[in-house]
Amino acid sequence: MKFHNVDKKLNKYRRMSLKYSAVLGALLSGAVMPLSYAQELKPSATPANIQVPAGNKLFQVGHAVGTQDYICLPVAGGVKFTLFTPQATLLKDNKQTMTHYYSPNPVESGLVRASWQSSKTGSIIWGKVADGNASSDDAYVAHGAIPWLLVTVVGAQHGANGSSDKLDKTTYIQRVKTTGGVAPVSGCVSVTDVGNKAFVPYTADYLFYKKAN
């Protein structure tokens, strides 16, 4: 895939992000804001399968408020709500630092991945969750919340004019302390529901790691 086509897709996904800004604004107006950045900048206790490999260190934390967006699609034996994108704003000291959504990763020829974009520079990183790097362990994860994750970064792109705020140095991301976001049990039960969408509010903390040296 040529990179100008990837750029077109990126613009499409950015427009989608703006489309849901009203939803995010409503969520943010009622959100409980996080502790100060200085207080939060430490790794969380997590299940073993989402721990960050040795040789990486935490350098940034963001509290996410947004929605997990689902669409009803046909699957073997019926229909199912399938995640088509998150739409979230990440906050630090109650100020927006990033947006989080799905977008095409140019490093993987436009394969759509979870992405985090800096609100300051426009730099973007893309990540994937490897098999076994998700946890719903009820010793950690709240009832009715989406899983905690370990995300491996698989692509990075500087912002406009090559600007960077170290986001592109990220090696791993943990999604922890989740609330909500689980697909609804109604609205996708038969073929007549195919195409239905559900925007489910969620919150989470995202912890960003880079190489220690």
N, C-alpha and C. Protein backbone atom coordinates (compact mmCIF):
# COMPACT_ATOMS: atom_id res chain seq x y z
N MET A 1 0.85 -1.20 0.00
CA MET A 1 0.00 0.00 0.00
C MET A 1 0.88 1.24 0.00
N LYS A 2 0.59 2.22 -0.87
CA LYS A 2 1.38 3.42 -0.94
C LYS A 2 1.06 4.31 0.27
N PHE A 3 2.08 5.09 0.68
CA PHE A 3 1.93 5.85 1.91
C PHE A 3 0.93 6.99 1.77
N HIS A 4 0.72 7.52 0.52
CA HIS A 4 -0.29 8.57 0.42
C HIS A 4 -1.68 8.00 0.69
N ASN A 5 -1.90 6.72 0.40
CA ASN A 5 -3.17 6.09 0.73
C ASN A 5 -3.32 5.93 2.23
N VAL A 6 -2.21 5.60 2.91
CA VAL A 6 -2.24 5.51 4.36
C VAL A 6 -2.58 6.86 4.97
N ASP A 7 -1.99 7.95 4.41
CA ASP A 7 -2.28 9.29 4.91
C ASP A 7 -3.76 9.61 4.78
N LYS A 8 -4.37 9.19 3.66
CA LYS A 8 -5.81 9.43 3.49
C LYS A 8 -6.60 8.71 4.56
N LYS A 9 -6.19 7.47 4.87
CA LYS A 9 -6.88 6.71 5.91
C LYS A 9 -6.70 7.36 7.27
N LEU A 10 -5.48 7.86 7.54
CA LEU A 10 -5.25 8.55 8.82
C LEU A 10 -6.19 9.74 8.95
N ASN A 11 -6.34 10.51 7.87
CA ASN A 11 -7.25 11.66 7.92
C ASN A 11 -8.68 11.22 8.19
N LYS A 12 -9.07 10.09 7.61
CA LYS A 12 -10.42 9.56 7.84
C LYS A 12 -10.62 9.25 9.31
N TYR A 13 -9.65 8.58 9.93
CA TYR A 13 -9.79 8.20 11.32
C TYR A 13 -9.75 9.42 12.23
N ARG A 14 -8.98 10.45 11.86
CA ARG A 14 -8.96 11.67 12.65
C ARG A 14 -10.31 12.37 12.59
N ARG A 15 -10.95 12.34 11.41
CA ARG A 15 -12.29 12.92 11.31
C ARG A 15 -13.28 12.16 12.18
N MET A 16 -13.12 10.83 12.25
CA MET A 16 -13.97 10.03 13.13
C MET A 16 -13.80 10.46 14.58
N SER A 17 -12.55 10.76 14.95
CA SER A 17 -12.29 11.19 16.32
C SER A 17 -13.03 12.48 16.62
N LEU A 18 -13.03 13.42 15.67
CA LEU A 18 -13.74 14.68 15.86
C LEU A 18 -15.25 14.45 15.94
N LYS A 19 -15.74 13.49 15.18
CA LYS A 19 -17.17 13.20 15.14
C LYS A 19 -17.70 12.87 16.52
N TYR A 20 -16.89 12.17 17.32
CA TYR A 20 -17.33 11.74 18.63
C TYR A 20 -16.89 12.68 19.75
N SER A 21 -16.38 13.87 19.39
CA SER A 21 -15.89 14.78 20.42
C SER A 21 -17.00 15.24 21.35
N ALA A 22 -18.23 15.35 20.83
CA ALA A 22 -19.34 15.76 21.69
C ALA A 22 -19.62 14.71 22.75
N VAL A 23 -19.53 13.44 22.35
CA VAL A 23 -19.72 12.35 23.32
C VAL A 23 -18.65 12.40 24.39
N LEU A 24 -17.40 12.59 23.96
CA LEU A 24 -16.30 12.63 24.91
C LEU A 24 -16.43 13.84 25.82
N GLY A 25 -16.88 14.98 25.27
CA GLY A 25 -17.04 16.17 26.10
C GLY A 25 -18.04 15.94 27.22
N ALA A 26 -19.13 15.25 26.90
CA ALA A 26 -20.13 14.95 27.92
C ALA A 26 -19.56 14.04 28.99
N LEU A 27 -18.77 13.06 28.55
CA LEU A 27 -18.16 12.15 29.51
C LEU A 27 -17.17 12.88 30.40
N LEU A 28 -16.36 13.75 29.80
CA LEU A 28 -15.35 14.47 30.57
C LEU A 28 -15.98 15.40 31.59
N SER A 29 -17.13 16.00 31.24
CA SER A 29 -17.75 16.95 32.16
C SER A 29 -18.19 16.29 33.45
N GLY A 30 -18.46 14.98 33.40
CA GLY A 30 -18.89 14.28 34.61
C GLY A 30 -17.84 13.36 35.17
N ALA A 31 -16.63 13.41 34.62
CA ALA A 31 -15.60 12.46 35.05
C ALA A 31 -14.94 12.87 36.35
N VAL A 32 -14.52 11.87 37.10
CA VAL A 32 -13.69 12.12 38.27
C VAL A 32 -12.26 12.16 37.79
N MET A 33 -11.59 13.30 37.95
CA MET A 33 -10.26 13.46 37.41
C MET A 33 -9.23 12.74 38.27
N PRO A 34 -8.10 12.36 37.66
CA PRO A 34 -7.11 11.56 38.36
C PRO A 34 -6.27 12.37 39.32
N LEU A 35 -5.44 11.66 40.09
CA LEU A 35 -4.48 12.30 40.95
C LEU A 35 -3.44 13.02 40.11
N SER A 36 -2.60 13.81 40.75
CA SER A 36 -1.59 14.54 40.02
C SER A 36 -0.63 13.57 39.34
N TYR A 37 0.01 14.05 38.29
CA TYR A 37 0.94 13.23 37.52
C TYR A 37 2.06 12.70 38.40
N ALA A 38 2.59 13.53 39.27
CA ALA A 38 3.70 13.11 40.13
C ALA A 38 3.29 11.94 41.02
N GLN A 39 2.04 11.96 41.50
CA GLN A 39 1.57 10.89 42.36
C GLN A 39 1.37 9.59 41.58
N GLU A 40 1.03 9.69 40.30
CA GLU A 40 0.67 8.50 39.53
C GLU A 40 1.85 7.83 38.85
N LEU A 41 3.00 8.50 38.76
CA LEU A 41 4.09 8.00 37.95
C LEU A 41 4.84 6.86 38.64
N LYS A 42 4.15 5.74 38.75
CA LYS A 42 4.76 4.52 39.27
C LYS A 42 3.97 3.34 38.72
N PRO A 43 4.65 2.23 38.48
CA PRO A 43 3.95 1.06 37.93
C PRO A 43 2.86 0.56 38.85
N SER A 44 1.78 0.06 38.27
CA SER A 44 0.70 -0.53 39.04
C SER A 44 0.97 -2.02 39.27
N ALA A 45 0.41 -2.55 40.35
CA ALA A 45 0.43 -4.00 40.53
C ALA A 45 -0.48 -4.62 39.47
N THR A 46 0.01 -5.62 38.77
CA THR A 46 -0.74 -6.21 37.67
C THR A 46 -0.60 -7.72 37.67
N PRO A 47 -1.52 -8.41 36.99
CA PRO A 47 -1.34 -9.85 36.77
C PRO A 47 -0.02 -10.12 36.05
N ALA A 48 0.54 -11.28 36.27
CA ALA A 48 1.86 -11.61 35.71
C ALA A 48 1.89 -11.53 34.19
N ASN A 49 0.78 -11.87 33.52
CA ASN A 49 0.81 -11.95 32.06
C ASN A 49 0.75 -10.59 31.37
N ILE A 50 0.58 -9.50 32.12
CA ILE A 50 0.64 -8.18 31.48
C ILE A 50 1.75 -7.31 32.07
N GLN A 51 2.69 -7.93 32.76
CA GLN A 51 3.82 -7.18 33.28
C GLN A 51 4.78 -6.82 32.16
N VAL A 52 5.37 -5.64 32.27
CA VAL A 52 6.29 -5.15 31.24
C VAL A 52 7.65 -5.85 31.38
N PRO A 53 8.25 -6.29 30.28
CA PRO A 53 9.55 -6.96 30.37
C PRO A 53 10.62 -6.09 31.02
N ALA A 54 11.57 -6.74 31.65
CA ALA A 54 12.70 -6.04 32.25
C ALA A 54 13.44 -5.24 31.18
N GLY A 55 14.05 -4.13 31.60
CA GLY A 55 14.77 -3.29 30.67
C GLY A 55 13.96 -2.13 30.14
N ASN A 56 12.74 -1.97 30.66
CA ASN A 56 11.88 -0.85 30.28
C ASN A 56 11.47 -0.09 31.53
N LYS A 57 11.24 1.21 31.38
CA LYS A 57 10.85 2.02 32.53
C LYS A 57 9.66 2.90 32.21
N LEU A 58 8.83 3.12 33.21
CA LEU A 58 7.65 3.97 33.07
C LEU A 58 8.08 5.43 32.92
N PHE A 59 7.49 6.13 31.94
CA PHE A 59 7.84 7.54 31.78
C PHE A 59 6.64 8.46 31.60
N GLN A 60 5.45 7.89 31.41
CA GLN A 60 4.27 8.73 31.24
C GLN A 60 3.02 7.96 31.60
N VAL A 61 2.05 8.67 32.19
CA VAL A 61 0.77 8.07 32.57
C VAL A 61 -0.35 8.96 32.07
N GLY A 62 -1.40 8.37 31.54
CA GLY A 62 -2.56 9.13 31.12
C GLY A 62 -3.84 8.46 31.61
N HIS A 63 -4.77 9.27 32.11
CA HIS A 63 -6.08 8.76 32.53
C HIS A 63 -7.04 8.96 31.38
N ALA A 64 -7.62 7.88 30.88
CA ALA A 64 -8.48 7.92 29.70
C ALA A 64 -9.95 7.97 30.08
N VAL A 65 -10.68 8.83 29.39
CA VAL A 65 -12.13 8.91 29.51
C VAL A 65 -12.70 8.89 28.10
N GLY A 66 -13.61 7.96 27.82
CA GLY A 66 -14.15 7.89 26.48
C GLY A 66 -15.14 6.78 26.30
N THR A 67 -15.15 6.20 25.11
CA THR A 67 -16.08 5.11 24.81
C THR A 67 -15.36 3.99 24.08
N GLN A 68 -15.87 2.78 24.27
CA GLN A 68 -15.51 1.63 23.45
C GLN A 68 -16.65 1.47 22.46
N ASP A 69 -16.34 1.54 21.18
CA ASP A 69 -17.38 1.62 20.14
C ASP A 69 -17.52 0.28 19.42
N TYR A 70 -18.73 -0.25 19.44
CA TYR A 70 -19.01 -1.58 18.91
C TYR A 70 -19.99 -1.50 17.74
N ILE A 71 -19.88 -2.48 16.84
CA ILE A 71 -20.84 -2.64 15.75
C ILE A 71 -21.28 -4.10 15.71
N CYS A 72 -22.56 -4.31 15.46
CA CYS A 72 -23.11 -5.66 15.38
C CYS A 72 -22.78 -6.26 14.01
N LEU A 73 -22.10 -7.40 14.03
CA LEU A 73 -21.67 -8.06 12.79
C LEU A 73 -22.04 -9.53 12.82
N PRO A 74 -22.24 -10.12 11.63
CA PRO A 74 -22.49 -11.57 11.59
C PRO A 74 -21.23 -12.36 11.93
N VAL A 75 -21.41 -13.43 12.68
CA VAL A 75 -20.32 -14.35 13.02
C VAL A 75 -20.85 -15.76 12.84
N ALA A 76 -19.96 -16.73 12.94
CA ALA A 76 -20.39 -18.12 12.82
C ALA A 76 -21.45 -18.43 13.87
N GLY A 77 -22.62 -18.84 13.41
CA GLY A 77 -23.68 -19.20 14.33
C GLY A 77 -24.55 -18.06 14.81
N GLY A 78 -24.35 -16.85 14.29
CA GLY A 78 -25.21 -15.76 14.75
C GLY A 78 -24.62 -14.39 14.49
N VAL A 79 -24.78 -13.50 15.47
CA VAL A 79 -24.27 -12.13 15.37
C VAL A 79 -23.57 -11.78 16.68
N LYS A 80 -22.73 -10.74 16.62
CA LYS A 80 -21.98 -10.37 17.81
C LYS A 80 -21.53 -8.92 17.71
N PHE A 81 -21.57 -8.20 18.84
CA PHE A 81 -20.98 -6.87 18.89
C PHE A 81 -19.46 -7.01 18.81
N THR A 82 -18.85 -6.28 17.86
CA THR A 82 -17.41 -6.31 17.65
C THR A 82 -16.85 -4.90 17.80
N LEU A 83 -15.77 -4.76 18.55
CA LEU A 83 -15.15 -3.45 18.73
C LEU A 83 -14.60 -2.94 17.40
N PHE A 84 -15.00 -1.70 17.01
CA PHE A 84 -14.41 -1.14 15.80
C PHE A 84 -13.50 0.03 16.07
N THR A 85 -13.58 0.63 17.26
CA THR A 85 -12.60 1.63 17.68
C THR A 85 -12.88 2.06 19.10
N PRO A 86 -11.84 2.40 19.86
CA PRO A 86 -12.06 3.21 21.05
C PRO A 86 -12.06 4.68 20.63
N GLN A 87 -12.68 5.53 21.43
CA GLN A 87 -12.60 6.97 21.24
C GLN A 87 -12.39 7.56 22.63
N ALA A 88 -11.16 7.95 22.93
CA ALA A 88 -10.87 8.40 24.30
C ALA A 88 -9.91 9.58 24.30
N THR A 89 -10.04 10.38 25.34
CA THR A 89 -9.11 11.46 25.63
C THR A 89 -8.28 11.07 26.83
N LEU A 90 -6.96 11.23 26.74
CA LEU A 90 -6.07 10.96 27.86
C LEU A 90 -5.70 12.26 28.54
N LEU A 91 -5.72 12.22 29.87
CA LEU A 91 -5.49 13.42 30.67
C LEU A 91 -4.28 13.25 31.58
N LYS A 92 -3.58 14.36 31.81
CA LYS A 92 -2.51 14.43 32.80
C LYS A 92 -2.70 15.72 33.56
N ASP A 93 -2.82 15.63 34.89
CA ASP A 93 -3.10 16.81 35.70
C ASP A 93 -4.32 17.57 35.15
N ASN A 94 -5.34 16.79 34.76
CA ASN A 94 -6.61 17.32 34.27
C ASN A 94 -6.51 18.05 32.93
N LYS A 95 -5.42 17.88 32.21
CA LYS A 95 -5.26 18.50 30.91
C LYS A 95 -5.09 17.42 29.85
N GLN A 96 -5.69 17.65 28.68
CA GLN A 96 -5.60 16.67 27.60
C GLN A 96 -4.17 16.54 27.10
N THR A 97 -3.70 15.29 26.99
CA THR A 97 -2.36 15.04 26.45
C THR A 97 -2.39 14.21 25.17
N MET A 98 -3.41 13.36 25.02
CA MET A 98 -3.47 12.45 23.86
C MET A 98 -4.90 12.13 23.51
N THR A 99 -5.07 11.60 22.30
CA THR A 99 -6.31 10.94 21.91
C THR A 99 -5.98 9.49 21.56
N HIS A 100 -6.98 8.64 21.73
CA HIS A 100 -6.79 7.19 21.53
C HIS A 100 -7.90 6.68 20.62
N TYR A 101 -7.51 6.01 19.55
CA TYR A 101 -8.47 5.52 18.56
C TYR A 101 -7.76 4.50 17.68
N TYR A 102 -8.50 3.84 16.81
CA TYR A 102 -7.91 2.93 15.83
C TYR A 102 -7.53 3.73 14.58
N SER A 103 -6.39 3.38 13.98
CA SER A 103 -5.99 4.01 12.73
C SER A 103 -4.99 3.12 12.01
N PRO A 104 -4.78 3.33 10.70
CA PRO A 104 -3.85 2.49 9.94
C PRO A 104 -2.39 2.79 10.29
N ASN A 105 -1.62 1.73 10.50
CA ASN A 105 -0.21 1.85 10.85
C ASN A 105 0.64 1.77 9.57
N PRO A 106 1.31 2.86 9.17
CA PRO A 106 2.08 2.83 7.93
C PRO A 106 3.25 1.86 7.97
N VAL A 107 3.74 1.53 9.17
CA VAL A 107 4.85 0.59 9.29
C VAL A 107 4.41 -0.82 8.89
N GLU A 108 3.11 -1.10 9.00
CA GLU A 108 2.56 -2.40 8.64
C GLU A 108 1.65 -2.30 7.42
N SER A 109 2.03 -1.42 6.49
CA SER A 109 1.31 -1.26 5.22
C SER A 109 -0.16 -0.91 5.41
N GLY A 110 -0.44 -0.11 6.44
CA GLY A 110 -1.80 0.37 6.65
C GLY A 110 -2.69 -0.52 7.48
N LEU A 111 -2.14 -1.55 8.11
CA LEU A 111 -2.94 -2.41 8.98
C LEU A 111 -3.50 -1.58 10.14
N VAL A 112 -4.79 -1.70 10.39
CA VAL A 112 -5.43 -0.90 11.43
C VAL A 112 -5.06 -1.44 12.81
N ARG A 113 -4.58 -0.53 13.66
CA ARG A 113 -4.16 -0.87 15.02
C ARG A 113 -4.68 0.19 15.99
N ALA A 114 -4.64 -0.16 17.27
CA ALA A 114 -4.88 0.84 18.31
C ALA A 114 -3.78 1.89 18.23
N SER A 115 -4.15 3.16 18.35
CA SER A 115 -3.16 4.23 18.25
C SER A 115 -3.38 5.27 19.33
N TRP A 116 -2.29 5.95 19.67
CA TRP A 116 -2.30 7.04 20.64
C TRP A 116 -1.60 8.22 19.99
N GLN A 117 -2.27 9.37 19.95
CA GLN A 117 -1.72 10.54 19.27
C GLN A 117 -1.53 11.68 20.25
N SER A 118 -0.33 12.26 20.24
CA SER A 118 -0.02 13.39 21.11
C SER A 118 -0.84 14.61 20.72
N SER A 119 -1.48 15.24 21.68
CA SER A 119 -2.24 16.46 21.41
C SER A 119 -1.32 17.65 21.19
N LYS A 120 -0.08 17.54 21.64
CA LYS A 120 0.89 18.64 21.55
C LYS A 120 1.60 18.66 20.20
N THR A 121 2.11 17.51 19.77
CA THR A 121 2.93 17.48 18.57
C THR A 121 2.29 16.75 17.40
N GLY A 122 1.27 15.94 17.67
CA GLY A 122 0.67 15.14 16.61
C GLY A 122 1.37 13.82 16.36
N SER A 123 2.45 13.53 17.09
CA SER A 123 3.13 12.25 16.92
C SER A 123 2.19 11.11 17.32
N ILE A 124 2.36 9.95 16.70
CA ILE A 124 1.46 8.81 16.90
C ILE A 124 2.27 7.54 17.13
N ILE A 125 1.73 6.67 17.99
CA ILE A 125 2.26 5.32 18.11
C ILE A 125 1.12 4.33 17.90
N TRP A 126 1.48 3.15 17.41
CA TRP A 126 0.51 2.07 17.19
C TRP A 126 0.94 0.85 17.99
N GLY A 127 -0.03 0.09 18.48
CA GLY A 127 0.31 -1.07 19.28
C GLY A 127 -0.62 -2.24 19.04
N LYS A 128 -0.15 -3.43 19.43
CA LYS A 128 -0.96 -4.63 19.35
C LYS A 128 -0.87 -5.40 20.66
N VAL A 129 -1.89 -6.19 20.93
CA VAL A 129 -1.92 -7.05 22.11
C VAL A 129 -1.59 -8.46 21.66
N ALA A 130 -0.46 -8.98 22.10
CA ALA A 130 -0.06 -10.34 21.73
C ALA A 130 -0.92 -11.35 22.47
N ASP A 131 -0.99 -12.56 21.94
CA ASP A 131 -1.75 -13.63 22.59
C ASP A 131 -1.29 -13.79 24.03
N GLY A 132 -2.25 -13.82 24.93
CA GLY A 132 -1.93 -14.02 26.34
C GLY A 132 -1.64 -12.76 27.12
N ASN A 133 -1.68 -11.59 26.45
CA ASN A 133 -1.36 -10.33 27.12
C ASN A 133 -2.60 -9.52 27.49
N ALA A 134 -3.69 -10.22 27.83
CA ALA A 134 -4.91 -9.58 28.34
C ALA A 134 -5.34 -10.33 29.59
N SER A 135 -5.91 -9.60 30.54
CA SER A 135 -6.32 -10.23 31.80
C SER A 135 -7.66 -9.69 32.28
N SER A 136 -8.54 -10.61 32.67
CA SER A 136 -9.79 -10.28 33.36
C SER A 136 -9.78 -10.85 34.77
N ASP A 137 -8.60 -11.08 35.32
CA ASP A 137 -8.43 -11.62 36.67
C ASP A 137 -9.18 -10.76 37.68
N ASP A 138 -10.20 -11.34 38.34
CA ASP A 138 -11.03 -10.53 39.23
C ASP A 138 -10.30 -10.10 40.50
N ALA A 139 -9.08 -10.55 40.70
CA ALA A 139 -8.27 -10.02 41.79
C ALA A 139 -7.77 -8.62 41.47
N TYR A 140 -7.85 -8.24 40.20
CA TYR A 140 -7.38 -6.92 39.76
C TYR A 140 -8.47 -6.14 39.02
N VAL A 141 -9.17 -6.82 38.12
CA VAL A 141 -10.08 -6.14 37.19
C VAL A 141 -11.47 -6.04 37.80
N ALA A 142 -12.04 -4.84 37.78
CA ALA A 142 -13.36 -4.59 38.35
C ALA A 142 -14.43 -5.37 37.59
N HIS A 143 -15.47 -5.77 38.32
CA HIS A 143 -16.60 -6.46 37.69
C HIS A 143 -17.23 -5.56 36.63
N GLY A 144 -17.50 -6.11 35.46
CA GLY A 144 -18.14 -5.35 34.39
C GLY A 144 -17.20 -4.41 33.65
N ALA A 145 -15.89 -4.61 33.82
CA ALA A 145 -14.91 -3.75 33.15
C ALA A 145 -14.17 -4.52 32.06
N ILE A 146 -13.72 -3.80 31.06
CA ILE A 146 -12.91 -4.41 30.01
C ILE A 146 -11.57 -4.87 30.58
N PRO A 147 -10.91 -5.82 29.92
CA PRO A 147 -9.67 -6.40 30.46
C PRO A 147 -8.53 -5.39 30.59
N TRP A 148 -7.60 -5.72 31.46
CA TRP A 148 -6.32 -5.03 31.51
C TRP A 148 -5.45 -5.61 30.40
N LEU A 149 -4.56 -4.79 29.84
CA LEU A 149 -3.78 -5.22 28.68
C LEU A 149 -2.31 -4.84 28.80
N LEU A 150 -1.47 -5.62 28.13
CA LEU A 150 -0.11 -5.21 27.81
C LEU A 150 -0.04 -5.05 26.30
N VAL A 151 0.26 -3.84 25.86
CA VAL A 151 0.31 -3.52 24.44
C VAL A 151 1.77 -3.36 24.01
N THR A 152 2.14 -4.04 22.94
CA THR A 152 3.48 -3.91 22.37
C THR A 152 3.44 -2.90 21.24
N VAL A 153 4.28 -1.89 21.29
CA VAL A 153 4.30 -0.87 20.24
C VAL A 153 4.91 -1.45 18.97
N VAL A 154 4.20 -1.26 17.84
CA VAL A 154 4.64 -1.82 16.56
C VAL A 154 4.78 -0.76 15.47
N GLY A 155 4.68 0.51 15.85
CA GLY A 155 4.85 1.58 14.87
C GLY A 155 4.87 2.93 15.55
N ALA A 156 5.58 3.88 14.97
CA ALA A 156 5.65 5.23 15.51
C ALA A 156 5.86 6.21 14.37
N GLN A 157 5.33 7.42 14.56
CA GLN A 157 5.46 8.45 13.53
C GLN A 157 5.57 9.80 14.21
N HIS A 158 6.56 10.61 13.80
CA HIS A 158 6.71 11.95 14.34
C HIS A 158 5.52 12.82 13.93
N GLY A 159 5.35 13.92 14.64
CA GLY A 159 4.31 14.86 14.31
C GLY A 159 4.72 15.77 13.16
N ALA A 160 3.97 16.87 13.00
CA ALA A 160 4.24 17.82 11.92
C ALA A 160 5.67 18.34 12.02
N ASN A 161 6.32 18.45 10.86
CA ASN A 161 7.70 18.96 10.78
C ASN A 161 8.68 18.13 11.61
N GLY A 162 8.35 16.84 11.79
CA GLY A 162 9.26 15.96 12.52
C GLY A 162 9.27 16.16 14.01
N SER A 163 8.29 16.88 14.55
CA SER A 163 8.27 17.17 15.98
C SER A 163 8.00 15.91 16.79
N SER A 164 8.57 15.86 18.00
CA SER A 164 8.45 14.69 18.85
C SER A 164 8.42 15.12 20.31
N ASP A 165 7.61 14.42 21.12
CA ASP A 165 7.58 14.69 22.56
C ASP A 165 7.86 13.40 23.33
N LYS A 166 8.69 12.53 22.76
CA LYS A 166 9.13 11.27 23.35
C LYS A 166 8.09 10.16 23.28
N LEU A 167 6.86 10.49 22.84
CA LEU A 167 5.85 9.43 22.72
C LEU A 167 6.34 8.35 21.78
N ASP A 168 7.05 8.74 20.72
CA ASP A 168 7.52 7.78 19.72
C ASP A 168 8.62 6.86 20.26
N LYS A 169 9.09 7.12 21.48
CA LYS A 169 10.08 6.25 22.12
C LYS A 169 9.42 5.11 22.90
N THR A 170 8.10 5.10 22.95
CA THR A 170 7.37 4.11 23.73
C THR A 170 7.61 2.70 23.21
N THR A 171 7.85 1.77 24.13
CA THR A 171 8.04 0.36 23.77
C THR A 171 6.83 -0.49 24.15
N TYR A 172 6.22 -0.17 25.31
CA TYR A 172 5.06 -0.91 25.81
C TYR A 172 4.07 0.06 26.45
N ILE A 173 2.81 -0.36 26.44
CA ILE A 173 1.74 0.37 27.13
C ILE A 173 0.94 -0.63 27.94
N GLN A 174 0.64 -0.29 29.18
CA GLN A 174 -0.30 -1.08 29.98
C GLN A 174 -1.62 -0.33 30.07
N ARG A 175 -2.72 -1.05 29.88
CA ARG A 175 -4.05 -0.51 30.18
C ARG A 175 -4.50 -1.16 31.48
N VAL A 176 -4.70 -0.34 32.51
CA VAL A 176 -5.04 -0.84 33.84
C VAL A 176 -6.16 0.01 34.44
N LYS A 177 -6.66 -0.44 35.59
CA LYS A 177 -7.68 0.29 36.36
C LYS A 177 -8.88 0.66 35.49
N THR A 178 -9.35 -0.31 34.73
CA THR A 178 -10.47 -0.07 33.81
C THR A 178 -11.81 -0.06 34.53
N THR A 179 -12.74 0.73 34.00
CA THR A 179 -14.14 0.67 34.41
C THR A 179 -14.99 0.71 33.15
N GLY A 180 -16.08 -0.06 33.12
CA GLY A 180 -17.00 -0.04 31.99
C GLY A 180 -16.38 -0.54 30.70
N GLY A 181 -17.03 -0.15 29.59
CA GLY A 181 -16.50 -0.46 28.27
C GLY A 181 -16.90 -1.80 27.67
N VAL A 182 -17.61 -2.64 28.42
CA VAL A 182 -17.98 -3.97 27.94
C VAL A 182 -19.14 -3.88 26.96
N ALA A 183 -19.11 -4.68 25.91
CA ALA A 183 -20.19 -4.67 24.92
C ALA A 183 -21.53 -4.99 25.58
N PRO A 184 -22.61 -4.31 25.16
CA PRO A 184 -23.92 -4.56 25.76
C PRO A 184 -24.46 -5.94 25.39
N VAL A 185 -25.36 -6.43 26.22
CA VAL A 185 -25.96 -7.75 25.98
C VAL A 185 -27.17 -7.65 25.07
N SER A 186 -27.70 -6.47 24.87
CA SER A 186 -28.86 -6.28 24.00
C SER A 186 -28.46 -5.45 22.79
N GLY A 187 -29.30 -5.50 21.76
CA GLY A 187 -29.05 -4.71 20.57
C GLY A 187 -28.33 -5.45 19.46
N CYS A 188 -27.92 -6.69 19.73
CA CYS A 188 -27.24 -7.49 18.71
C CYS A 188 -27.55 -8.96 18.97
N VAL A 189 -28.79 -9.33 18.65
CA VAL A 189 -29.23 -10.69 18.95
C VAL A 189 -29.72 -11.45 17.72
N SER A 190 -29.94 -10.74 16.60
CA SER A 190 -30.41 -11.40 15.38
C SER A 190 -29.86 -10.67 14.17
N VAL A 191 -30.03 -11.29 12.99
CA VAL A 191 -29.48 -10.69 11.77
C VAL A 191 -30.10 -9.33 11.47
N THR A 192 -31.28 -9.07 11.99
CA THR A 192 -31.90 -7.76 11.77
C THR A 192 -31.16 -6.66 12.53
N ASP A 193 -30.31 -7.05 13.48
CA ASP A 193 -29.56 -6.07 14.26
C ASP A 193 -28.20 -5.73 13.64
N VAL A 194 -27.82 -6.44 12.57
CA VAL A 194 -26.52 -6.19 11.95
C VAL A 194 -26.40 -4.72 11.55
N GLY A 195 -25.30 -4.11 11.92
CA GLY A 195 -25.08 -2.69 11.65
C GLY A 195 -25.35 -1.79 12.83
N ASN A 196 -26.07 -2.31 13.84
CA ASN A 196 -26.30 -1.51 15.05
C ASN A 196 -24.98 -1.16 15.71
N LYS A 197 -24.90 0.04 16.27
CA LYS A 197 -23.68 0.47 16.96
C LYS A 197 -23.98 0.79 18.42
N ALA A 198 -22.99 0.62 19.24
CA ALA A 198 -23.11 0.93 20.67
C ALA A 198 -21.84 1.62 21.11
N PHE A 199 -21.99 2.77 21.78
CA PHE A 199 -20.86 3.54 22.28
C PHE A 199 -20.88 3.46 23.80
N VAL A 200 -20.00 2.62 24.34
CA VAL A 200 -20.06 2.27 25.76
C VAL A 200 -19.01 3.05 26.55
N PRO A 201 -19.42 3.88 27.50
CA PRO A 201 -18.46 4.67 28.28
C PRO A 201 -17.47 3.78 29.04
N TYR A 202 -16.23 4.26 29.11
CA TYR A 202 -15.21 3.55 29.89
C TYR A 202 -14.18 4.54 30.39
N THR A 203 -13.43 4.12 31.40
CA THR A 203 -12.24 4.84 31.84
C THR A 203 -11.12 3.82 32.03
N ALA A 204 -9.90 4.31 31.98
CA ALA A 204 -8.73 3.44 32.18
C ALA A 204 -7.52 4.32 32.42
N ASP A 205 -6.50 3.73 33.00
CA ASP A 205 -5.19 4.37 33.06
C ASP A 205 -4.28 3.69 32.04
N TYR A 206 -3.56 4.49 31.27
CA TYR A 206 -2.59 3.97 30.32
C TYR A 206 -1.19 4.36 30.80
N LEU A 207 -0.33 3.36 30.95
CA LEU A 207 1.03 3.56 31.43
C LEU A 207 1.99 3.32 30.27
N PHE A 208 2.82 4.31 29.99
CA PHE A 208 3.72 4.28 28.84
C PHE A 208 5.16 4.02 29.29
N TYR A 209 5.79 3.04 28.64
CA TYR A 209 7.15 2.63 28.99
C TYR A 209 8.09 2.85 27.81
N LYS A 210 9.35 3.08 28.12
CA LYS A 210 10.40 3.16 27.11
C LYS A 210 11.61 2.37 27.60
N LYS A 211 12.59 2.17 26.73
CA LYS A 211 13.79 1.45 27.14
C LYS A 211 14.47 2.17 28.28
N ALA A 212 14.98 1.41 29.24
CA ALA A 212 15.58 2.00 30.43
C ALA A 212 16.89 2.71 30.13
N ASN A 213 17.60 2.28 29.11
CA ASN A 213 18.89 2.90 28.78
C ASN A 213 18.82 3.68 27.47
